[in-house]
Protein backbone atom coordinates (compact mmCIF):
# COMPACT_ATOMS: atom_id res chain seq x y z
CA MET A 1 -0.02 -0.01 0.01
CA PHE A 2 1.32 3.44 -0.98
CA LEU A 3 1.34 6.08 1.81
CA LEU A 4 1.76 9.82 1.29
CA HIS A 5 3.58 10.18 4.59
CA PRO A 6 4.79 6.64 5.42
CA GLU A 7 6.92 7.68 8.42
CA ASP A 8 4.05 9.34 10.25
CA ALA A 9 1.60 6.62 9.28
CA VAL A 10 3.88 3.84 10.55
CA PHE A 11 4.64 5.73 13.77
CA ASP A 12 0.90 6.32 14.45
CA ALA A 13 0.19 2.64 13.75
CA MET A 14 2.90 1.63 16.18
CA LEU A 15 1.33 3.74 18.95
CA ASP A 16 -2.14 2.47 18.10
CA GLY A 17 -1.02 -1.13 18.23
CA TRP A 18 0.85 -0.55 21.52
CA GLY A 19 -2.31 1.05 22.96
CA LYS A 20 -4.36 -1.96 22.01
CA GLN A 21 -1.84 -4.29 23.56
CA GLN A 22 -1.95 -2.38 26.81
CA ARG A 23 -5.78 -2.28 26.83
CA GLY A 24 -5.69 -6.09 26.40
CA ARG A 25 -3.62 -6.17 29.64
CA ARG A 26 -6.42 -4.12 31.26
CA LEU A 27 -4.34 -1.03 31.91
CA GLU A 28 -6.19 2.19 32.63
CA ALA A 29 -6.88 4.56 29.69
CA ASP A 30 -5.12 7.42 31.48
CA THR A 31 -1.98 5.35 31.86
CA ILE A 32 -1.98 4.36 28.22
CA ASP A 33 -2.54 7.98 27.01
CA GLU A 34 0.20 9.31 29.27
CA ARG A 35 2.72 6.74 27.99
CA ALA A 36 1.82 7.66 24.38
CA ARG A 37 2.39 11.37 25.15
CA ILE A 38 5.80 10.58 26.57
CA VAL A 39 6.79 8.62 23.44
CA ARG A 40 5.69 11.51 21.23
CA ARG A 41 7.63 13.92 23.42
CA PHE A 42 10.75 11.81 23.03
CA MET A 43 10.34 11.64 19.29
CA GLU A 44 10.06 15.45 19.12
CA PHE A 45 13.18 15.80 21.23
CA SER A 46 15.24 13.35 19.21
CA GLU A 47 13.84 14.58 15.86
CA GLU A 48 13.96 10.98 14.70
CA TYR A 49 11.43 8.23 14.14
CA PRO A 50 11.61 5.13 16.41
CA TRP A 51 13.49 3.06 13.81
CA ASN A 52 16.31 5.58 13.93
CA TRP A 53 16.50 5.93 17.70
CA THR A 54 19.79 5.09 19.40
CA ALA A 55 21.00 4.85 23.00
CA ALA A 56 22.66 8.23 22.49
CA HIS A 57 19.25 9.84 22.02
CA MET A 58 18.19 8.42 25.39
CA ASP A 59 21.40 9.75 27.00
CA GLU A 60 20.80 13.24 25.63
CA TRP A 61 17.14 13.21 26.74
CA SER A 62 17.98 11.96 30.23
CA PHE A 63 20.58 14.70 30.57
CA SER A 64 18.04 17.33 29.46
CA LEU A 65 15.45 16.06 31.92
CA THR A 66 17.97 16.14 34.76
CA ALA A 67 20.18 19.16 34.13
CA GLU A 68 17.91 21.45 32.16
CA GLN A 69 14.38 20.67 33.31
CA GLY A 70 15.17 19.56 36.86
CA ARG A 71 12.75 16.65 36.82
CA ALA A 72 12.40 14.44 39.90
CA LYS A 73 14.09 11.05 39.94
CA SER A 74 10.76 9.20 39.93
CA THR A 75 9.57 11.24 36.93
CA ILE A 76 12.69 10.53 34.91
CA ARG A 77 12.42 6.83 35.70
CA SER A 78 8.76 6.87 34.66
CA TYR A 79 9.61 8.54 31.34
CA GLN A 80 12.43 6.10 30.66
CA GLY A 81 10.15 3.19 31.53
CA ALA A 82 7.59 4.30 28.96
CA ILE A 83 10.23 4.43 26.23
CA ARG A 84 11.57 1.07 27.32
CA GLN A 85 8.21 -0.57 27.09
CA PHE A 86 7.47 0.99 23.71
CA CYS A 87 10.77 -0.26 22.36
CA ASP A 88 10.02 -3.73 23.79
CA PHE A 89 6.75 -3.69 21.80
CA ILE A 90 8.13 -2.50 18.45
CA THR A 91 11.14 -4.86 18.61
CA SER A 92 9.20 -7.92 19.73
CA PRO A 93 9.22 -10.81 17.23
CA HIS A 94 5.49 -11.26 17.99
CA TYR A 95 4.71 -8.10 16.05
CA ARG A 96 5.55 -7.04 12.48
CA TRP A 97 7.35 -3.79 13.06
CA VAL A 98 10.94 -4.94 12.57
CA ALA A 99 10.18 -6.44 9.18
CA GLU A 100 7.92 -3.55 8.20
CA CYS A 101 10.58 -0.95 8.96
CA GLU A 102 13.25 -2.95 7.12
CA LYS A 103 10.99 -3.08 4.05
CA ARG A 104 10.00 0.59 4.06
CA PHE A 105 13.03 2.40 5.55
CA GLY A 106 15.92 -0.02 5.23
CA THR A 107 16.48 -0.13 9.01
CA HIS A 108 14.70 -1.37 12.08
CA PRO A 109 13.99 -0.29 15.71
CA VAL A 110 16.17 -1.45 18.58
CA GLN A 111 15.94 -1.27 22.34
CA ILE A 112 17.63 1.94 23.41
CA CYS A 113 17.00 1.70 27.18
CA HIS A 114 19.58 -0.32 29.13
CA GLU A 115 20.59 -0.61 32.77
CA TRP A 116 23.66 1.52 32.11
CA ASN A 117 21.75 4.52 30.72
CA THR A 118 18.50 4.58 32.67
CA ALA A 119 17.64 5.35 36.29
CA ALA A 120 17.29 2.30 38.55
CA HIS A 121 14.75 2.28 41.38
CA LEU A 122 17.34 1.94 44.14
CA GLU A 123 15.66 4.02 46.81
CA GLU A 124 12.44 3.23 48.66
CA TYR A 125 11.50 6.87 48.91
CA GLU A 126 12.30 9.51 46.27
CA GLY A 127 10.10 12.34 47.46
CA ASP A 128 11.09 15.61 49.00
CA ALA A 129 13.49 14.94 51.84
CA GLU A 130 12.00 17.87 53.78
CA ARG A 131 8.64 16.07 53.96
CA ARG A 132 8.15 14.64 57.47
CA PRO A 133 5.43 13.71 59.93
CA LEU A 134 4.03 16.48 62.05
CA THR A 135 4.91 16.17 65.69
CA ARG A 136 2.12 15.58 68.20
CA GLU A 137 2.44 19.23 69.26
CA GLU A 138 2.14 20.41 65.65
CA CYS A 139 -0.90 18.23 65.05
CA GLN A 140 -2.60 19.61 68.17
CA ALA A 141 -1.73 23.16 67.18
CA LEU A 142 -3.21 22.58 63.71
CA PHE A 143 -6.43 21.12 65.02
CA ASP A 144 -6.75 23.91 67.63
CA TYR A 145 -6.22 26.57 65.01
CA ALA A 146 -8.78 24.94 62.70
CA ASP A 147 -11.28 24.92 65.53
CA ASP A 148 -10.49 28.53 66.31
CA ARG A 149 -11.36 29.50 62.73
CA VAL A 150 -14.88 28.13 63.31
CA GLU A 151 -15.35 30.13 66.54
CA HIS A 152 -13.87 33.25 64.91
CA ALA A 153 -16.37 33.10 62.01
CA ILE A 154 -19.26 32.60 64.43
CA ARG A 155 -18.18 35.30 66.86
CA TYR A 156 -17.84 37.96 64.18
CA GLY A 157 -20.82 36.83 62.13
CA ARG A 158 -18.75 36.10 59.04
CA LYS A 159 -19.39 33.59 56.31
CA GLY A 160 -17.40 30.39 56.23
CA ALA A 161 -18.22 28.87 59.60
CA LEU A 162 -19.61 25.74 57.96
CA THR A 163 -16.65 25.27 55.63
CA ALA A 164 -14.21 25.96 58.46
CA TYR A 165 -15.85 23.30 60.58
CA ARG A 166 -15.84 20.90 57.63
CA ASP A 167 -12.12 21.51 56.98
CA ALA A 168 -11.24 21.06 60.66
CA THR A 169 -12.99 17.68 60.58
CA VAL A 170 -11.31 16.71 57.31
CA PHE A 171 -7.83 17.27 58.77
CA LYS A 172 -8.74 15.26 61.89
CA THR A 173 -10.12 12.44 59.70
CA ILE A 174 -6.95 12.29 57.54
CA TYR A 175 -4.83 12.02 60.67
CA ALA A 176 -7.06 9.65 62.70
CA TRP A 177 -7.50 7.09 59.91
CA GLY A 178 -4.24 7.67 58.04
CA LEU A 179 -5.92 8.62 54.75
CA ARG A 180 -4.66 10.27 51.57
CA CYS A 181 -6.34 13.41 50.27
CA GLN A 182 -7.93 11.56 47.42
CA GLU A 183 -9.24 8.87 49.77
CA VAL A 184 -10.79 11.29 52.22
CA SER A 185 -12.25 13.39 49.35
CA ARG A 186 -14.07 10.40 47.83
CA LEU A 187 -15.71 9.15 51.01
CA ASP A 188 -19.48 8.67 50.77
CA LEU A 189 -22.10 8.42 53.45
CA THR A 190 -22.34 4.72 52.79
CA ASP A 191 -18.68 4.08 53.57
CA PHE A 192 -19.06 3.76 57.33
CA TYR A 193 -19.64 0.39 59.05
CA ARG A 194 -20.05 -1.01 62.49
CA ASN A 195 -17.22 -3.01 63.99
CA PRO A 196 -18.38 -5.93 66.16
CA LYS A 197 -15.20 -5.64 68.16
CA ALA A 198 -15.87 -1.97 68.92
CA PRO A 199 -19.65 -1.58 69.44
CA GLU A 200 -19.17 1.58 71.42
CA LEU A 201 -18.19 3.41 68.16
CA GLY A 202 -21.55 2.72 66.56
CA ARG A 203 -21.70 2.92 62.81
CA TYR A 204 -18.32 4.55 62.68
CA GLY A 205 -16.30 1.52 63.82
CA GLN A 206 -14.57 1.23 60.42
CA ILE A 207 -14.32 3.11 57.12
CA HIS A 208 -14.46 1.50 53.72
CA VAL A 209 -11.81 3.23 51.60
CA ARG A 210 -12.87 2.56 47.97
CA TYR A 211 -10.45 4.88 46.18
CA GLY A 212 -7.09 3.82 47.56
CA LYS A 213 -3.90 4.49 45.60
CA ALA A 214 -3.77 2.24 42.54
CA SER A 215 -0.76 0.29 41.35
CA LYS A 216 0.56 1.40 37.95
CA GLY A 217 -2.06 0.54 35.32
CA SER A 218 -4.68 -0.93 37.72
CA GLY A 219 -7.79 0.45 39.29
CA PRO A 220 -8.21 1.89 42.83
CA ARG A 221 -7.37 -0.48 45.71
CA ARG A 222 -10.02 -0.95 48.43
CA ARG A 223 -9.48 -1.56 52.10
CA MET A 224 -11.28 -1.42 55.42
CA VAL A 225 -9.73 0.90 58.03
CA ALA A 226 -10.55 0.33 61.67
CA SER A 227 -11.31 3.34 63.86
CA VAL A 228 -8.69 3.60 66.60
CA MET A 229 -9.16 7.14 67.86
CA PRO A 230 -12.53 7.64 69.60
CA TRP A 231 -12.15 11.41 69.79
CA ALA A 232 -11.99 11.55 66.00
CA VAL A 233 -15.09 9.39 65.70
CA GLU A 234 -16.94 11.91 67.92
CA SER A 235 -15.75 14.80 65.73
CA LEU A 236 -16.78 13.02 62.50
CA GLU A 237 -20.18 12.03 63.84
CA ASP A 238 -20.89 15.60 65.06
CA TYR A 239 -20.07 16.94 61.58
CA LEU A 240 -22.28 14.43 59.79
CA VAL A 241 -25.23 14.72 62.15
CA ASN A 242 -25.22 18.42 62.95
CA LEU A 243 -23.23 20.30 60.29
CA ARG A 244 -23.44 18.52 57.00
CA PRO A 245 -27.29 18.87 56.74
CA ARG A 246 -26.86 22.63 56.64
CA PHE A 247 -25.01 22.61 53.30
CA ARG A 248 -27.12 23.48 50.29
CA HIS A 249 -28.60 20.57 48.26
CA HIS A 250 -27.17 18.15 50.78
CA ALA A 251 -30.10 15.75 50.30
CA ASP A 252 -29.09 15.13 46.65
CA ARG A 253 -25.44 14.45 47.38
CA LYS A 254 -23.83 11.29 48.69
CA ALA A 255 -20.43 12.83 49.39
CA VAL A 256 -19.32 13.18 53.03
CA TRP A 257 -17.49 16.53 52.44
CA LEU A 258 -19.58 19.08 50.62
CA THR A 259 -18.84 22.54 49.26
CA GLU A 260 -21.13 25.50 49.79
CA ARG A 261 -22.69 24.81 46.37
CA GLY A 262 -23.36 21.18 47.26
CA GLY A 263 -20.52 19.67 45.26
CA ARG A 264 -17.84 17.26 46.46
CA LEU A 265 -14.79 18.75 48.17
CA LYS A 266 -11.73 18.22 45.95
CA PRO A 267 -8.21 17.27 47.06
CA ARG A 268 -6.83 20.56 45.74
CA GLU A 269 -9.20 22.49 48.02
CA ILE A 270 -8.06 20.45 50.98
CA GLU A 271 -4.42 21.21 50.12
CA THR A 272 -5.13 24.90 49.72
CA ARG A 273 -6.81 25.23 53.12
CA PHE A 274 -4.08 23.20 54.79
CA ALA A 275 -1.45 25.51 53.28
CA ALA A 276 -3.25 28.55 54.62
CA TYR A 277 -3.42 27.13 58.16
CA ARG A 278 0.22 25.89 57.90
CA ASP A 279 1.48 29.35 56.91
CA ALA A 280 -0.56 31.05 59.61
CA LEU A 281 1.02 28.82 62.22
CA GLY A 282 4.52 29.38 60.84
CA PHE A 283 5.08 25.73 59.94
CA ALA A 284 7.56 24.66 57.29
CA LYS A 285 6.41 25.16 53.71
CA GLU A 286 7.29 21.55 52.91
CA LEU A 287 4.42 20.25 55.11
CA VAL A 288 1.34 19.10 53.16
CA PRO A 289 -1.88 17.22 54.12
CA HIS A 290 -0.13 13.92 53.26
CA CYS A 291 2.19 14.60 56.22
CA LEU A 292 -0.75 13.95 58.49
CA ARG A 293 -0.85 10.44 57.12
CA HIS A 294 2.85 10.10 57.95
CA SER A 295 1.98 11.37 61.43
CA HIS A 296 -0.65 8.68 61.86
CA VAL A 297 1.84 5.99 61.09
CA THR A 298 4.54 7.45 63.29
CA HIS A 299 2.38 8.05 66.27
CA GLN A 300 0.76 4.59 66.10
CA ILE A 301 4.19 2.99 66.02
CA GLU A 302 5.35 5.14 68.90
CA ASP A 303 2.30 4.10 70.92
CA GLY A 304 3.27 0.41 70.50
CA VAL A 305 0.71 -0.60 67.84
CA ASP A 306 1.67 -3.70 65.87
CA PRO A 307 3.49 -2.53 62.68
CA LYS A 308 1.60 -5.16 60.68
CA PHE A 309 -1.71 -3.68 61.77
CA VAL A 310 -0.53 -0.18 60.88
CA GLN A 311 0.62 -1.46 57.47
CA GLU A 312 -2.87 -2.94 56.75
CA GLN A 313 -4.56 0.21 58.07
CA VAL A 314 -2.81 2.53 55.66
CA GLY A 315 -2.92 0.10 52.69
CA HIS A 316 0.77 -0.58 52.14
CA ARG A 317 1.65 -3.79 50.37
CA PHE A 318 5.12 -3.93 51.87
CA ALA A 319 6.36 -3.26 55.40
CA SER A 320 9.29 -1.34 53.93
CA THR A 321 6.89 1.27 52.57
CA THR A 322 5.33 1.76 56.02
CA ALA A 323 8.82 2.05 57.48
CA ILE A 324 9.73 5.07 55.34
CA TYR A 325 6.59 6.81 56.60
CA THR A 326 7.82 6.45 60.18
CA GLY A 327 9.71 9.28 61.80
CA VAL A 328 9.68 8.24 65.42
CA SER A 329 10.53 10.88 68.03
CA THR A 330 13.75 11.07 70.07
CA ASP A 331 11.88 10.06 73.21
CA PHE A 332 10.64 6.91 71.50
CA MET A 333 14.13 6.09 70.18
CA ASN A 334 15.63 6.65 73.63
CA THR A 335 13.05 4.34 75.17
CA MET A 336 13.86 1.65 72.66
CA MET A 337 17.55 2.15 73.25
CA ARG A 338 17.06 1.86 77.05
CA ASN A 339 15.05 -1.36 76.59
CA ALA A 340 17.76 -2.80 74.31
CA LEU A 341 20.51 -1.92 76.83
CA ASP A 342 18.57 -3.39 79.75
CA ARG A 343 18.13 -6.63 77.86
CA ALA A 344 21.83 -6.66 77.00
CA PHE A 345 23.01 -6.10 80.55
CA LYS A 346 20.57 -8.71 81.80
CA ASP A 347 21.94 -11.26 79.33
CA GLU A 348 25.48 -10.48 80.50
CA GLU A 349 24.50 -10.99 84.12
CA LEU A 350 22.99 -14.37 83.29
CA GLU A 351 26.17 -15.43 81.49
CA THR A 352 28.34 -14.56 84.54
CA VAL A 353 26.16 -16.50 86.95
């Protein structure tokens, strides 16, 4: 078949075939589209079609991402991974692209991503090193300040008392159940369940998180999170029973957290309000709502809760992931050190007897 622009047509067909292959593996459409955009971006950078790509093109692109654009390690590795998988597809003997390119262009695609020119996932955590859990004192200060905003609005007759109360409860919920912003934002009224082991908590004994963080290419992961902080249950129940009904159009909405117009509160709005409170309190700019989740893990571990239970609560597949969330206090470390020394001295005494 004669093509007016064979290079563009073959490249588009490659991407289309790769997309179908990924859909057959049941990857999410957003993941597939993002990978295709990365491949197109790389082709624009190299100014070459895939059958002319070389490892040198990958070297130049990686250097540009690092030195010129300042991309994060995880972003660079993600970009390189997309190119690696695309090259795997177009060089696979199960597909026709090698022979097709040889026939049309006199050359063929090769794998250009190797262990010696791409970023390896060597570190468990590649986020901002300044990110840390809030201390117990900082958590208390944040919650107190959020509560004060409610009283301030009521005392001076200003608008925003409802939203201030909602936001105060949102922050307490993130901390008390160790949730992510997306997870807390997507909570519905039907996501609360009784826990037969904690009847005193009523219908708030556990929360069904239906929009947990997904693995690459898969859908949201679900989990049940047990309620372990009774004070937070009281705060949540008070909001749902006494405050939420006052929002407009609340009867038509299933979301737990509503806006003044009756819509669902978005993660970005949670982050914006948190930043305003953080700045007012003079906390470090690096602190974000997700740090409350880190605080939940840290404080639970400090309080002697079984690490395996904490791991299940926050939805981590691996204990090592939970470990990097933990920033135990000096007091806790000193206690553990004292216990270890006491055991060591006791063992020595037994040996000398």
